[in-house]
PDB file of all heavy atoms in Angstrom:
ATOM      1  N   LEU A   1      64.726  78.083 129.247  1.00  0.00           N
ATOM      2  CA  LEU A   1      64.133  78.098 127.949  1.00  0.00           C
ATOM      3  C   LEU A   1      64.623  79.297 127.134  1.00  0.00           C
ATOM      4  O   LEU A   1      64.894  79.189 125.936  1.00  0.00           O
ATOM      5  CB  LEU A   1      62.602  78.141 128.017  1.00  0.00           C
ATOM      6  CG  LEU A   1      61.898  76.874 128.456  1.00  0.00           C
ATOM      7  CD1 LEU A   1      60.422  77.139 128.739  1.00  0.00           C
ATOM      8  CD2 LEU A   1      62.083  75.759 127.435  1.00  0.00           C
ATOM      9  N   VAL A   2      64.758  80.418 127.812  1.00  0.00           N
ATOM     10  CA  VAL A   2      65.256  81.635 127.108  1.00  0.00           C
ATOM     11  C   VAL A   2      66.747  81.519 126.809  1.00  0.00           C
ATOM     12  O   VAL A   2      67.189  81.742 125.696  1.00  0.00           O
ATOM     13  CB  VAL A   2      64.952  82.868 127.979  1.00  0.00           C
ATOM     14  CG1 VAL A   2      65.680  84.106 127.413  1.00  0.00           C
ATOM     15  CG2 VAL A   2      63.477  83.140 128.064  1.00  0.00           C
ATOM     16  N   ARG A   3      67.516  81.208 127.811  1.00  0.00           N
ATOM     17  CA  ARG A   3      68.959  81.261 127.726  1.00  0.00           C
ATOM     18  C   ARG A   3      69.512  80.165 126.830  1.00  0.00           C
ATOM     19  O   ARG A   3      70.486  80.377 126.080  1.00  0.00           O
ATOM     20  CB  ARG A   3      69.585  81.148 129.111  1.00  0.00           C
ATOM     21  CG  ARG A   3      71.092  81.451 129.133  1.00  0.00           C
ATOM     22  CD  ARG A   3      71.648  81.360 130.566  1.00  0.00           C
ATOM     23  NE  ARG A   3      71.466  80.070 131.168  1.00  0.00           N
ATOM     24  CZ  ARG A   3      70.730  79.828 132.222  1.00  0.00           C
ATOM     25  NH1 ARG A   3      70.056  80.843 132.780  1.00  0.00           N
ATOM     26  NH2 ARG A   3      70.664  78.594 132.730  1.00  0.00           N
ATOM     27  N   GLU A   4      68.943  78.975 126.898  1.00  0.00           N
ATOM     28  CA  GLU A   4      69.569  77.807 126.214  1.00  0.00           C
ATOM     29  C   GLU A   4      68.813  77.381 125.007  1.00  0.00           C
ATOM     30  O   GLU A   4      69.394  76.614 124.196  1.00  0.00           O
ATOM     31  CB  GLU A   4      69.671  76.642 127.204  1.00  0.00           C
ATOM     32  CG  GLU A   4      70.571  76.981 128.410  1.00  0.00           C
ATOM     33  CD  GLU A   4      70.485  75.897 129.463  1.00  0.00           C
ATOM     34  OE1 GLU A   4      70.264  74.742 129.113  1.00  0.00           O
ATOM     35  OE2 GLU A   4      70.694  76.212 130.658  1.00  0.00           O
ATOM     36  N   GLN A   5      67.588  77.821 124.815  1.00  0.00           N
ATOM     37  CA  GLN A   5      66.833  77.412 123.626  1.00  0.00           C
ATOM     38  C   GLN A   5      66.387  78.593 122.770  1.00  0.00           C
ATOM     39  O   GLN A   5      65.737  78.424 121.747  1.00  0.00           O
ATOM     40  CB  GLN A   5      65.588  76.587 124.058  1.00  0.00           C
ATOM     41  CG  GLN A   5      65.940  75.309 124.764  1.00  0.00           C
ATOM     42  CD  GLN A   5      64.761  74.443 125.147  1.00  0.00           C
ATOM     43  OE1 GLN A   5      63.727  74.468 124.461  1.00  0.00           O
ATOM     44  NE2 GLN A   5      64.882  73.711 126.231  1.00  0.00           N
ATOM     45  N   GLY A   6      66.781  79.800 123.201  1.00  0.00           N
ATOM     46  CA  GLY A   6      66.418  80.990 122.399  1.00  0.00           C
ATOM     47  C   GLY A   6      64.897  81.206 122.341  1.00  0.00           C
ATOM     48  O   GLY A   6      64.461  81.898 121.353  1.00  0.00           O
ATOM     49  N   ALA A   7      64.155  80.718 123.245  1.00  0.00           N
ATOM     50  CA  ALA A   7      62.720  80.864 123.248  1.00  0.00           C
ATOM     51  C   ALA A   7      62.262  82.230 123.732  1.00  0.00           C
ATOM     52  O   ALA A   7      62.970  82.926 124.489  1.00  0.00           O
ATOM     53  CB  ALA A   7      62.086  79.799 124.113  1.00  0.00           C
ATOM     54  N   ARG A   8      61.092  82.641 123.258  1.00  0.00           N
ATOM     55  CA  ARG A   8      60.453  83.870 123.780  1.00  0.00           C
ATOM     56  C   ARG A   8      59.433  83.368 124.837  1.00  0.00           C
ATOM     57  O   ARG A   8      58.538  82.612 124.525  1.00  0.00           O
ATOM     58  CB  ARG A   8      59.738  84.621 122.662  1.00  0.00           C
ATOM     59  CG  ARG A   8      60.632  85.132 121.560  1.00  0.00           C
ATOM     60  CD  ARG A   8      59.867  85.421 120.335  1.00  0.00           C
ATOM     61  NE  ARG A   8      59.237  84.192 119.761  1.00  0.00           N
ATOM     62  CZ  ARG A   8      58.528  84.174 118.662  1.00  0.00           C
ATOM     63  NH1 ARG A   8      58.330  85.289 117.953  1.00  0.00           N
ATOM     64  NH2 ARG A   8      58.016  83.026 118.178  1.00  0.00           N
ATOM     65  N   VAL A   9      59.667  83.835 126.057  1.00  0.00           N
ATOM     66  CA  VAL A   9      58.879  83.315 127.181  1.00  0.00           C
ATOM     67  C   VAL A   9      58.217  84.439 127.920  1.00  0.00           C
ATOM     68  O   VAL A   9      58.850  85.466 128.218  1.00  0.00           O
ATOM     69  CB  VAL A   9      59.793  82.536 128.148  1.00  0.00           C
ATOM     70  CG1 VAL A   9      59.027  82.091 129.390  1.00  0.00           C
ATOM     71  CG2 VAL A   9      60.405  81.336 127.467  1.00  0.00           C
ATOM     72  N   LEU A  10      56.944  84.217 128.258  1.00  0.00           N
ATOM     73  CA  LEU A  10      56.205  85.105 129.162  1.00  0.00           C
ATOM     74  C   LEU A  10      56.045  84.412 130.492  1.00  0.00           C
ATOM     75  O   LEU A  10      55.519  83.317 130.583  1.00  0.00           O
ATOM     76  CB  LEU A  10      54.829  85.416 128.569  1.00  0.00           C
ATOM     77  CG  LEU A  10      53.833  86.127 129.509  1.00  0.00           C
ATOM     78  CD1 LEU A  10      54.358  87.545 129.864  1.00  0.00           C
ATOM     79  CD2 LEU A  10      52.434  86.271 128.873  1.00  0.00           C
ATOM     80  N   LEU A  11      56.567  85.040 131.582  1.00  0.00           N
ATOM     81  CA  LEU A  11      56.456  84.516 132.888  1.00  0.00           C
ATOM     82  C   LEU A  11      55.432  85.369 133.656  1.00  0.00           C
ATOM     83  O   LEU A  11      55.673  86.548 133.891  1.00  0.00           O
ATOM     84  CB  LEU A  11      57.860  84.565 133.593  1.00  0.00           C
ATOM     85  CG  LEU A  11      57.947  84.133 135.061  1.00  0.00           C
ATOM     86  CD1 LEU A  11      57.511  82.696 135.192  1.00  0.00           C
ATOM     87  CD2 LEU A  11      59.361  84.345 135.566  1.00  0.00           C
ATOM     88  N   LEU A  12      54.322  84.709 134.047  1.00  0.00           N
ATOM     89  CA  LEU A  12      53.262  85.413 134.725  1.00  0.00           C
ATOM     90  C   LEU A  12      53.332  85.062 136.233  1.00  0.00           C
ATOM     91  O   LEU A  12      53.246  83.897 136.590  1.00  0.00           O
ATOM     92  CB  LEU A  12      51.907  84.984 134.158  1.00  0.00           C
ATOM     93  CG  LEU A  12      51.608  85.414 132.735  1.00  0.00           C
ATOM     94  CD1 LEU A  12      50.447  84.662 132.156  1.00  0.00           C
ATOM     95  CD2 LEU A  12      51.324  86.924 132.696  1.00  0.00           C
ATOM     96  N   GLU A  13      53.399  86.040 137.097  1.00  0.00           N
ATOM     97  CA  GLU A  13      53.463  85.877 138.518  1.00  0.00           C
ATOM     98  C   GLU A  13      52.390  86.737 139.151  1.00  0.00           C
ATOM     99  O   GLU A  13      52.223  87.881 138.892  1.00  0.00           O
ATOM    100  CB  GLU A  13      54.864  86.315 139.054  1.00  0.00           C
ATOM    101  CG  GLU A  13      54.935  86.495 140.575  1.00  0.00           C
ATOM    102  CD  GLU A  13      54.515  85.219 141.339  1.00  0.00           C
ATOM    103  OE1 GLU A  13      54.889  84.125 140.931  1.00  0.00           O
ATOM    104  OE2 GLU A  13      53.847  85.403 142.371  1.00  0.00           O
ATOM    105  N   ALA A  14      51.595  86.062 140.057  1.00  0.00           N
ATOM    106  CA  ALA A  14      50.498  86.730 140.717  1.00  0.00           C
ATOM    107  C   ALA A  14      50.955  87.709 141.753  1.00  0.00           C
ATOM    108  O   ALA A  14      50.217  88.659 142.118  1.00  0.00           O
ATOM    109  CB  ALA A  14      49.550  85.728 141.342  1.00  0.00           C
ATOM    110  N   GLY A  15      52.174  87.524 142.308  1.00  0.00           N
ATOM    111  CA  GLY A  15      52.683  88.385 143.374  1.00  0.00           C
ATOM    112  C   GLY A  15      53.455  89.570 142.856  1.00  0.00           C
ATOM    113  O   GLY A  15      53.425  89.925 141.658  1.00  0.00           O
ATOM    114  N   SER A  16      54.230  90.160 143.765  1.00  0.00           N
ATOM    115  CA  SER A  16      54.930  91.393 143.491  1.00  0.00           C
ATOM    116  C   SER A  16      56.410  91.174 143.267  1.00  0.00           C
ATOM    117  O   SER A  16      56.917  90.077 143.224  1.00  0.00           O
ATOM    118  CB  SER A  16      54.642  92.394 144.570  1.00  0.00           C
ATOM    119  OG  SER A  16      55.000  91.872 145.851  1.00  0.00           O
ATOM    120  N   SER A  17      57.140  92.299 143.183  1.00  0.00           N
ATOM    121  CA  SER A  17      58.551  92.206 142.990  1.00  0.00           C
ATOM    122  C   SER A  17      59.305  91.637 144.198  1.00  0.00           C
ATOM    123  O   SER A  17      58.875  91.790 145.361  1.00  0.00           O
ATOM    124  CB  SER A  17      59.130  93.644 142.697  1.00  0.00           C
ATOM    125  OG  SER A  17      60.527  93.663 142.755  1.00  0.00           O
ATOM    126  N   HIS A  18      60.441  90.981 143.956  1.00  0.00           N
ATOM    127  CA  HIS A  18      61.272  90.416 145.043  1.00  0.00           C
ATOM    128  C   HIS A  18      62.265  91.396 145.593  1.00  0.00           C
ATOM    129  O   HIS A  18      63.012  91.081 146.446  1.00  0.00           O
ATOM    130  CB  HIS A  18      61.981  89.183 144.473  1.00  0.00           C
ATOM    131  CG  HIS A  18      62.932  89.501 143.354  1.00  0.00           C
ATOM    132  ND1 HIS A  18      62.457  89.949 142.142  1.00  0.00           N
ATOM    133  CD2 HIS A  18      64.252  89.401 143.224  1.00  0.00           C
ATOM    134  CE1 HIS A  18      63.524  90.168 141.352  1.00  0.00           C
ATOM    135  NE2 HIS A  18      64.588  89.856 141.963  1.00  0.00           N
ATOM    136  N   HIS A  19      62.239  92.596 145.052  1.00  0.00           N
ATOM    137  CA  HIS A  19      63.191  93.625 145.548  1.00  0.00           C
ATOM    138  C   HIS A  19      62.613  94.327 146.812  1.00  0.00           C
ATOM    139  O   HIS A  19      61.784  95.224 146.714  1.00  0.00           O
ATOM    140  CB  HIS A  19      63.435  94.700 144.469  1.00  0.00           C
ATOM    141  CG  HIS A  19      64.207  94.166 143.272  1.00  0.00           C
ATOM    142  ND1 HIS A  19      65.547  93.889 143.329  1.00  0.00           N
ATOM    143  CD2 HIS A  19      63.844  93.856 141.998  1.00  0.00           C
ATOM    144  CE1 HIS A  19      65.967  93.422 142.183  1.00  0.00           C
ATOM    145  NE2 HIS A  19      64.943  93.411 141.361  1.00  0.00           N
ATOM    146  N   HIS A  20      63.117  93.882 147.929  1.00  0.00           N
ATOM    147  CA  HIS A  20      62.712  94.484 149.209  1.00  0.00           C
ATOM    148  C   HIS A  20      63.762  94.093 150.256  1.00  0.00           C
ATOM    149  O   HIS A  20      64.235  92.903 150.277  1.00  0.00           O
ATOM    150  CB  HIS A  20      61.348  93.977 149.638  1.00  0.00           C
ATOM    151  CG  HIS A  20      60.749  94.711 150.820  1.00  0.00           C
ATOM    152  ND1 HIS A  20      61.154  94.491 152.085  1.00  0.00           N
ATOM    153  CD2 HIS A  20      59.822  95.709 150.833  1.00  0.00           C
ATOM    154  CE1 HIS A  20      60.492  95.302 152.892  1.00  0.00           C
ATOM    155  NE2 HIS A  20      59.658  96.026 152.163  1.00  0.00           N
ATOM    156  N   PRO A  21      64.223  95.003 151.112  1.00  0.00           N
ATOM    157  CA  PRO A  21      65.279  94.662 152.074  1.00  0.00           C
ATOM    158  C   PRO A  21      64.973  93.497 152.950  1.00  0.00           C
ATOM    159  O   PRO A  21      65.850  92.701 153.271  1.00  0.00           O
ATOM    160  CB  PRO A  21      65.396  95.993 152.868  1.00  0.00           C
ATOM    161  CG  PRO A  21      64.923  97.051 151.997  1.00  0.00           C
ATOM    162  CD  PRO A  21      63.819  96.423 151.156  1.00  0.00           C
ATOM    163  N   LEU A  22      63.682  93.371 153.428  1.00  0.00           N
ATOM    164  CA  LEU A  22      63.352  92.229 154.280  1.00  0.00           C
ATOM    165  C   LEU A  22      63.477  90.890 153.540  1.00  0.00           C
ATOM    166  O   LEU A  22      63.845  89.886 154.147  1.00  0.00           O
ATOM    167  CB  LEU A  22      61.919  92.420 154.796  1.00  0.00           C
ATOM    168  CG  LEU A  22      61.763  93.261 156.060  1.00  0.00           C
ATOM    169  CD1 LEU A  22      60.305  93.233 156.454  1.00  0.00           C
ATOM    170  CD2 LEU A  22      62.585  92.728 157.211  1.00  0.00           C
ATOM    171  N   LEU A  23      63.205  90.903 152.281  1.00  0.00           N
ATOM    172  CA  LEU A  23      63.299  89.649 151.515  1.00  0.00           C
ATOM    173  C   LEU A  23      64.769  89.279 151.305  1.00  0.00           C
ATOM    174  O   LEU A  23      65.144  88.101 151.243  1.00  0.00           O
ATOM    175  CB  LEU A  23      62.637  89.794 150.172  1.00  0.00           C
ATOM    176  CG  LEU A  23      61.113  90.060 150.181  1.00  0.00           C
ATOM    177  CD1 LEU A  23      60.588  90.185 148.757  1.00  0.00           C
ATOM    178  CD2 LEU A  23      60.381  88.943 150.900  1.00  0.00           C
ATOM    179  N   ASP A  24      65.627  90.279 151.170  1.00  0.00           N
ATOM    180  CA  ASP A  24      67.056  90.009 150.916  1.00  0.00           C
ATOM    181  C   ASP A  24      67.774  89.456 152.114  1.00  0.00           C
ATOM    182  O   ASP A  24      68.661  88.594 152.031  1.00  0.00           O
ATOM    183  CB  ASP A  24      67.759  91.308 150.395  1.00  0.00           C
ATOM    184  CG  ASP A  24      67.365  91.702 148.998  1.00  0.00           C
ATOM    185  OD1 ASP A  24      66.714  90.857 148.306  1.00  0.00           O
ATOM    186  OD2 ASP A  24      67.604  92.827 148.617  1.00  0.00           O
ATOM    187  N   MET A  25      67.423  89.932 153.327  1.00  0.00           N
ATOM    188  CA  MET A  25      68.121  89.514 154.498  1.00  0.00           C
ATOM    189  C   MET A  25      67.687  88.127 154.978  1.00  0.00           C
ATOM    190  O   MET A  25      66.510  87.861 155.034  1.00  0.00           O
ATOM    191  CB  MET A  25      67.902  90.557 155.642  1.00  0.00           C
ATOM    192  CG  MET A  25      68.520  91.893 155.366  1.00  0.00           C
ATOM    193  SD  MET A  25      68.390  93.004 156.835  1.00  0.00           S
ATOM    194  CE  MET A  25      66.638  93.064 157.049  1.00  0.00           C
ATOM    195  N   PRO A  26      68.629  87.258 155.322  1.00  0.00           N
ATOM    196  CA  PRO A  26      68.270  85.910 155.780  1.00  0.00           C
ATOM    197  C   PRO A  26      67.215  85.853 156.877  1.00  0.00           C
ATOM    198  O   PRO A  26      66.269  85.045 156.806  1.00  0.00           O
ATOM    199  CB  PRO A  26      69.603  85.334 156.237  1.00  0.00           C
ATOM    200  CG  PRO A  26      70.594  85.986 155.374  1.00  0.00           C
ATOM    201  CD  PRO A  26      70.086  87.414 155.179  1.00  0.00           C
ATOM    202  N   PRO A  27      67.231  86.726 157.912  1.00  0.00           N
ATOM    203  CA  PRO A  27      66.237  86.563 158.982  1.00  0.00           C
ATOM    204  C   PRO A  27      64.909  87.268 158.701  1.00  0.00           C
ATOM    205  O   PRO A  27      64.001  87.321 159.558  1.00  0.00           O
ATOM    206  CB  PRO A  27      66.904  87.229 160.178  1.00  0.00           C
ATOM    207  CG  PRO A  27      67.811  88.257 159.632  1.00  0.00           C
ATOM    208  CD  PRO A  27      68.298  87.707 158.332  1.00  0.00           C
ATOM    209  N   GLY A  28      64.737  87.833 157.477  1.00  0.00           N
ATOM    210  CA  GLY A  28      63.543  88.552 157.157  1.00  0.00           C
ATOM    211  C   GLY A  28      62.271  87.748 157.283  1.00  0.00           C
ATOM    212  O   GLY A  28      61.200  88.273 157.507  1.00  0.00           O
ATOM    213  N   ILE A  29      62.405  86.389 157.134  1.00  0.00           N
ATOM    214  CA  ILE A  29      61.207  85.515 157.250  1.00  0.00           C
ATOM    215  C   ILE A  29      60.444  85.711 158.581  1.00  0.00           C
ATOM    216  O   ILE A  29      59.251  85.620 158.616  1.00  0.00           O
ATOM    217  CB  ILE A  29      61.640  84.037 157.083  1.00  0.00           C
ATOM    218  CG1 ILE A  29      60.379  83.153 157.134  1.00  0.00           C
ATOM    219  CG2 ILE A  29      62.684  83.622 158.094  1.00  0.00           C
ATOM    220  CD1 ILE A  29      60.704  81.691 156.843  1.00  0.00           C
ATOM    221  N   PHE A  30      61.185  85.994 159.643  1.00  0.00           N
ATOM    222  CA  PHE A  30      60.500  86.082 160.942  1.00  0.00           C
ATOM    223  C   PHE A  30      59.727  87.350 161.059  1.00  0.00           C
ATOM    224  O   PHE A  30      58.871  87.494 161.987  1.00  0.00           O
ATOM    225  CB  PHE A  30      61.550  85.938 162.048  1.00  0.00           C
ATOM    226  CG  PHE A  30      62.148  84.535 162.149  1.00  0.00           C
ATOM    227  CD1 PHE A  30      63.428  84.284 161.682  1.00  0.00           C
ATOM    228  CD2 PHE A  30      61.409  83.484 162.590  1.00  0.00           C
ATOM    229  CE1 PHE A  30      63.982  83.066 161.677  1.00  0.00           C
ATOM    230  CE2 PHE A  30      61.972  82.194 162.622  1.00  0.00           C
ATOM    231  CZ  PHE A  30      63.217  81.990 162.165  1.00  0.00           C
ATOM    232  N   LYS A  31      59.980  88.304 160.205  1.00  0.00           N
ATOM    233  CA  LYS A  31      59.192  89.526 160.157  1.00  0.00           C
ATOM    234  C   LYS A  31      57.916  89.363 159.305  1.00  0.00           C
ATOM    235  O   LYS A  31      57.013  90.122 159.386  1.00  0.00           O
ATOM    236  CB  LYS A  31      60.025  90.684 159.565  1.00  0.00           C
ATOM    237  CG  LYS A  31      61.167  91.197 160.433  1.00  0.00           C
ATOM    238  CD  LYS A  31      60.683  92.077 161.528  1.00  0.00           C
ATOM    239  CE  LYS A  31      61.851  92.696 162.228  1.00  0.00           C
ATOM    240  NZ  LYS A  31      61.393  93.572 163.364  1.00  0.00           N
ATOM    241  N   MET A  32      57.928  88.262 158.493  1.00  0.00           N
ATOM    242  CA  MET A  32      56.869  88.134 157.508  1.00  0.00           C
ATOM    243  C   MET A  32      55.946  86.902 157.764  1.00  0.00           C
ATOM    244  O   MET A  32      54.811  86.922 157.268  1.00  0.00           O
ATOM    245  CB  MET A  32      57.436  87.951 156.101  1.00  0.00           C
ATOM    246  CG  MET A  32      58.273  89.171 155.635  1.00  0.00           C
ATOM    247  SD  MET A  32      58.939  88.892 153.992  1.00  0.00           S
ATOM    248  CE  MET A  32      60.096  87.570 154.295  1.00  0.00           C
ATOM    249  N   ILE A  33      56.409  85.923 158.470  1.00  0.00           N
ATOM    250  CA  ILE A  33      55.734  84.658 158.494  1.00  0.00           C
ATOM    251  C   ILE A  33      54.306  84.725 158.951  1.00  0.00           C
ATOM    252  O   ILE A  33      53.411  83.989 158.531  1.00  0.00           O
ATOM    253  CB  ILE A  33      56.528  83.616 159.314  1.00  0.00           C
ATOM    254  CG1 ILE A  33      56.041  82.171 159.058  1.00  0.00           C
ATOM    255  CG2 ILE A  33      56.473  83.949 160.795  1.00  0.00           C
ATOM    256  CD1 ILE A  33      56.308  81.676 157.702  1.00  0.00           C
ATOM    257  N   ASN A  34      54.032  85.651 159.895  1.00  0.00           N
ATOM    258  CA  ASN A  34      52.640  85.746 160.433  1.00  0.00           C
ATOM    259  C   ASN A  34      51.856  86.896 159.794  1.00  0.00           C
ATOM    260  O   ASN A  34      50.768  87.239 160.300  1.00  0.00           O
ATOM    261  CB  ASN A  34      52.698  85.924 161.941  1.00  0.00           C
ATOM    262  CG  ASN A  34      53.207  84.654 162.613  1.00  0.00           C
ATOM    263  OD1 ASN A  34      52.833  83.531 162.251  1.00  0.00           O
ATOM    264  ND2 ASN A  34      54.065  84.805 163.603  1.00  0.00           N
ATOM    265  N   GLY A  35      52.292  87.423 158.683  1.00  0.00           N
ATOM    266  CA  GLY A  35      51.525  88.448 158.035  1.00  0.00           C
ATOM    267  C   GLY A  35      52.401  89.305 157.106  1.00  0.00           C
ATOM    268  O   GLY A  35      53.262  90.003 157.575  1.00  0.00           O
ATOM    269  N   SER A  36      52.161  89.258 155.786  1.00  0.00           N
ATOM    270  CA  SER A  36      52.964  90.048 154.847  1.00  0.00           C
ATOM    271  C   SER A  36      52.298  89.987 153.499  1.00  0.00           C
ATOM    272  O   SER A  36      51.660  89.035 153.088  1.00  0.00           O
ATOM    273  CB  SER A  36      54.368  89.414 154.743  1.00  0.00           C
ATOM    274  OG  SER A  36      55.063  89.933 153.614  1.00  0.00           O
ATOM    275  N   LYS A  37      52.469  91.077 152.748  1.00  0.00           N
ATOM    276  CA  LYS A  37      51.940  91.113 151.371  1.00  0.00           C
ATOM    277  C   LYS A  37      52.650  90.153 150.458  1.00  0.00           C
ATOM    278  O   LYS A  37      52.245  89.785 149.367  1.00  0.00           O
ATOM    279  CB  LYS A  37      52.012  92.510 150.785  1.00  0.00           C
ATOM    280  CG  LYS A  37      53.431  92.966 150.429  1.00  0.00           C
ATOM    281  CD  LYS A  37      53.416  94.282 149.682  1.00  0.00           C
ATOM    282  CE  LYS A  37      54.829  94.708 149.223  1.00  0.00           C
ATOM    283  NZ  LYS A  37      54.810  95.916 148.438  1.00  0.00           N
ATOM    284  N   PHE A  38      53.839  89.685 150.931  1.00  0.00           N
ATOM    285  CA  PHE A  38      54.641  88.717 150.131  1.00  0.00           C
ATOM    286  C   PHE A  38      54.205  87.302 150.372  1.00  0.00           C
ATOM    287  O   PHE A  38      54.828  86.350 149.839  1.00  0.00           O
ATOM    288  CB  PHE A  38      56.130  88.885 150.445  1.00  0.00           C
ATOM    289  CG  PHE A  38      56.627  90.260 150.178  1.00  0.00           C
ATOM    290  CD1 PHE A  38      57.124  91.099 151.183  1.00  0.00           C
ATOM    291  CD2 PHE A  38      56.682  90.782 148.866  1.00  0.00           C
ATOM    292  CE1 PHE A  38      57.589  92.364 150.973  1.00  0.00           C
ATOM    293  CE2 PHE A  38      57.159  92.002 148.620  1.00  0.00           C
ATOM    294  CZ  PHE A  38      57.595  92.851 149.657  1.00  0.00           C
ATOM    295  N   MET A  39      53.180  87.108 151.175  1.00  0.00           N
ATOM    296  CA  MET A  39      52.665  85.771 151.478  1.00  0.00           C
ATOM    297  C   MET A  39      51.184  85.684 151.107  1.00  0.00           C
ATOM    298  O   MET A  39      50.434  86.726 151.330  1.00  0.00           O
ATOM    299  CB  MET A  39      52.867  85.409 152.956  1.00  0.00           C
ATOM    300  CG  MET A  39      54.222  85.404 153.446  1.00  0.00           C
ATOM    301  SD  MET A  39      55.137  83.964 153.014  1.00  0.00           S
ATOM    302  CE  MET A  39      56.034  83.662 154.501  1.00  0.00           C
ATOM    303  N   ARG A  40      50.744  84.574 150.661  1.00  0.00           N
ATOM    304  CA  ARG A  40      49.320  84.248 150.502  1.00  0.00           C
ATOM    305  C   ARG A  40      48.991  83.113 151.517  1.00  0.00           C
ATOM    306  O   ARG A  40      49.788  82.180 151.607  1.00  0.00           O
ATOM    307  CB  ARG A  40      49.020  83.836 149.070  1.00  0.00           C
ATOM    308  CG  ARG A  40      47.664  83.266 148.894  1.00  0.00           C
ATOM    309  CD  ARG A  40      47.447  82.764 147.440  1.00  0.00           C
ATOM    310  NE  ARG A  40      47.197  83.936 146.556  1.00  0.00           N
ATOM    311  CZ  ARG A  40      47.285  83.848 145.266  1.00  0.00           C
ATOM    312  NH1 ARG A  40      47.574  82.748 144.655  1.00  0.00           N
ATOM    313  NH2 ARG A  40      46.988  84.928 144.492  1.00  0.00           N
ATOM    314  N   TYR A  41      47.937  83.281 152.230  1.00  0.00           N
ATOM    315  CA  TYR A  41      47.622  82.285 153.299  1.00  0.00           C
ATOM    316  C   TYR A  41      46.397  81.460 152.923  1.00  0.00           C
ATOM    317  O   TYR A  41      45.292  81.949 152.790  1.00  0.00           O
ATOM    318  CB  TYR A  41      47.385  83.078 154.624  1.00  0.00           C
ATOM    319  CG  TYR A  41      48.595  83.792 155.078  1.00  0.00           C
ATOM    320  CD1 TYR A  41      48.873  85.086 154.627  1.00  0.00           C
ATOM    321  CD2 TYR A  41      49.540  83.189 155.933  1.00  0.00           C
ATOM    322  CE1 TYR A  41      50.035  85.741 155.022  1.00  0.00           C
ATOM    323  CE2 TYR A  41      50.666  83.845 156.336  1.00  0.00           C
ATOM    324  CZ  TYR A  41      50.949  85.132 155.871  1.00  0.00           C
ATOM    325  OH  TYR A  41      52.077  85.766 156.270  1.00  0.00           O
ATOM    326  N   HIS A  42      46.653  80.162 152.782  1.00  0.00           N
ATOM    327  CA  HIS A  42      45.584  79.225 152.547  1.00  0.00           C
ATOM    328  C   HIS A  42      45.112  78.684 153.918  1.00  0.00           C
ATOM    329  O   HIS A  42      45.904  78.128 154.666  1.00  0.00           O
ATOM    330  CB  HIS A  42      46.074  78.029 151.740  1.00  0.00           C
ATOM    331  CG  HIS A  42      46.532  78.411 150.357  1.00  0.00           C
ATOM    332  ND1 HIS A  42      45.681  78.326 149.230  1.00  0.00           N
ATOM    333  CD2 HIS A  42      47.720  78.890 149.857  1.00  0.00           C
ATOM    334  CE1 HIS A  42      46.317  78.738 148.165  1.00  0.00           C
ATOM    335  NE2 HIS A  42      47.586  79.086 148.532  1.00  0.00           N
ATOM    336  N   GLN A  43      43.863  78.899 154.212  1.00  0.00           N
ATOM    337  CA  GLN A  43      43.329  78.402 155.506  1.00  0.00           C
ATOM    338  C   GLN A  43      42.696  77.021 155.219  1.00  0.00           C
ATOM    339  O   GLN A  43      41.904  76.828 154.313  1.00  0.00           O
ATOM    340  CB  GLN A  43      42.261  79.345 156.027  1.00  0.00           C
ATOM    341  CG  GLN A  43      41.846  78.996 157.477  1.00  0.00           C
ATOM    342  CD  GLN A  43      40.905  80.087 158.031  1.00  0.00           C
ATOM    343  OE1 GLN A  43      39.738  80.087 157.717  1.00  0.00           O
ATOM    344  NE2 GLN A  43      41.488  80.894 158.861  1.00  0.00           N
TER     345      GLN A  43
END
């Protein structure tokens, strides 16, 4: 919407920044899957 339509867009995200070494590395998921601030767990 921003790049191709020149729109002004507000993107609201409940979580935090994606800048973290564990998130960048492909195997980081196995460090996070059973508990991480980057995950929300629906029981």
